Protein backbone atom coordinates (compact mmCIF):
# COMPACT_ATOMS: atom_id res chain seq x y z
CA MET A 1 107.31 103.06 49.58
CA GLY A 2 107.13 103.95 53.29
CA ALA A 3 103.57 102.67 53.58
CA GLN A 4 104.50 99.30 52.12
CA VAL A 5 107.53 98.94 54.42
CA ALA A 6 105.45 99.87 57.47
CA GLU A 7 102.77 97.37 56.45
CA LEU A 8 105.30 94.55 55.97
CA LEU A 9 106.94 95.26 59.33
CA GLY A 10 103.67 95.86 61.18
CA TRP A 11 104.98 99.22 62.43
CA PRO A 12 103.22 102.60 62.57
CA GLN A 13 104.23 105.22 60.02
CA VAL A 14 104.44 108.98 59.84
CA THR A 15 104.79 110.75 56.48
CA ASN A 16 106.06 114.14 55.26
CA VAL A 17 108.28 114.58 58.33
CA ARG A 18 110.30 117.77 58.51
CA ARG A 19 111.57 117.36 62.11
CA LEU A 20 111.93 114.17 64.16
CA GLU A 21 112.85 113.73 67.82
CA VAL A 22 113.42 110.25 69.26
CA ASP A 23 113.44 109.32 72.94
CA PRO A 24 115.05 105.86 73.08
CA ALA A 25 114.59 105.57 76.86
CA ALA A 26 110.82 106.10 76.60
CA ARG A 27 110.69 104.35 73.19
CA THR A 28 108.68 107.21 71.67
CA PHE A 29 109.04 109.79 68.92
CA VAL A 30 107.74 113.28 68.24
CA ALA A 31 107.49 114.32 64.60
CA GLU A 32 106.53 117.57 62.95
CA ARG A 33 104.97 116.86 59.58
CA GLU A 34 103.79 118.98 56.68
CA THR A 35 100.11 118.95 55.74
CA ASP A 36 98.06 120.84 53.17
CA ASP A 37 96.91 123.17 55.97
CA GLY A 38 100.32 123.79 57.54
CA PHE A 39 102.15 121.69 60.10
CA GLU A 40 101.07 119.01 62.56
CA THR A 41 102.90 117.49 65.53
CA VAL A 42 102.37 113.78 66.14
CA THR A 43 103.75 111.42 68.76
CA GLY A 44 103.88 107.67 68.90
CA PRO A 45 105.73 104.54 69.95
CA LEU A 46 108.97 103.18 68.52
CA PRO A 47 109.71 101.49 66.22
CA VAL A 48 108.23 103.66 63.47
CA VAL A 49 108.69 104.13 59.73
CA ALA A 50 109.17 107.85 59.04
CA THR A 51 109.37 109.34 55.55
CA ALA A 52 110.82 112.79 54.96
CA ALA A 53 109.16 115.82 53.43
CA GLU A 54 110.26 116.68 49.88
CA ASP A 55 112.16 119.83 50.80
CA ILE A 56 113.86 118.58 53.96
CA ALA A 57 117.34 119.27 52.55
CA PRO A 58 118.73 121.18 49.59
CA GLU A 59 119.40 119.15 46.47
CA ARG A 60 123.06 118.35 45.84
CA PHE A 61 124.42 117.17 42.52
CA PRO A 62 127.92 115.73 42.14
CA THR A 63 130.37 117.45 39.84
CA LYS A 64 132.02 115.57 37.00
CA ALA A 65 135.19 115.25 39.11
CA ASP A 66 133.16 113.78 42.00
CA ARG A 67 131.55 111.21 39.69
CA GLN A 68 134.90 110.20 38.23
CA ALA A 69 136.50 109.92 41.69
CA GLY A 70 133.73 107.65 42.87
CA ALA A 71 133.52 105.49 39.76
CA GLY A 72 136.13 102.98 40.91
CA ARG A 73 135.07 102.77 44.54
CA PRO A 74 132.94 99.87 45.77
CA GLY A 75 129.46 100.66 47.06
CA ALA A 76 128.73 100.41 50.77
CA THR A 77 126.43 97.71 52.10
CA ALA A 78 124.33 98.30 55.20
CA GLY A 79 122.40 95.75 57.18
CA ILE A 80 119.32 96.20 59.30
CA ALA A 81 119.09 95.37 62.96
C-alpha cells in the first residue's frame, strides 16, 4: 500500500523502517530499514512515505472487556494536511 500512496502523491518512499528520525528544519529524514542482509541507513528529503517493519512493536490484542467498552464509542476521524 505504501508504494501506491507514494506514487499517487509523487513522494519518495522508504520501506521496512525500524527507526525514523525527522529534521523538520532541514526538511530531511534518516531511516534505518531492515533488509535481507541486515540493516541499511537511508536519508532523503521530506515529505516521504515511510512504512514500518513487521516487528516494529509487539502485537496487542484487546480483551473481551476492552472490546465491550469500546463497542458503543464513535470512531475517530483524522484528516490529512
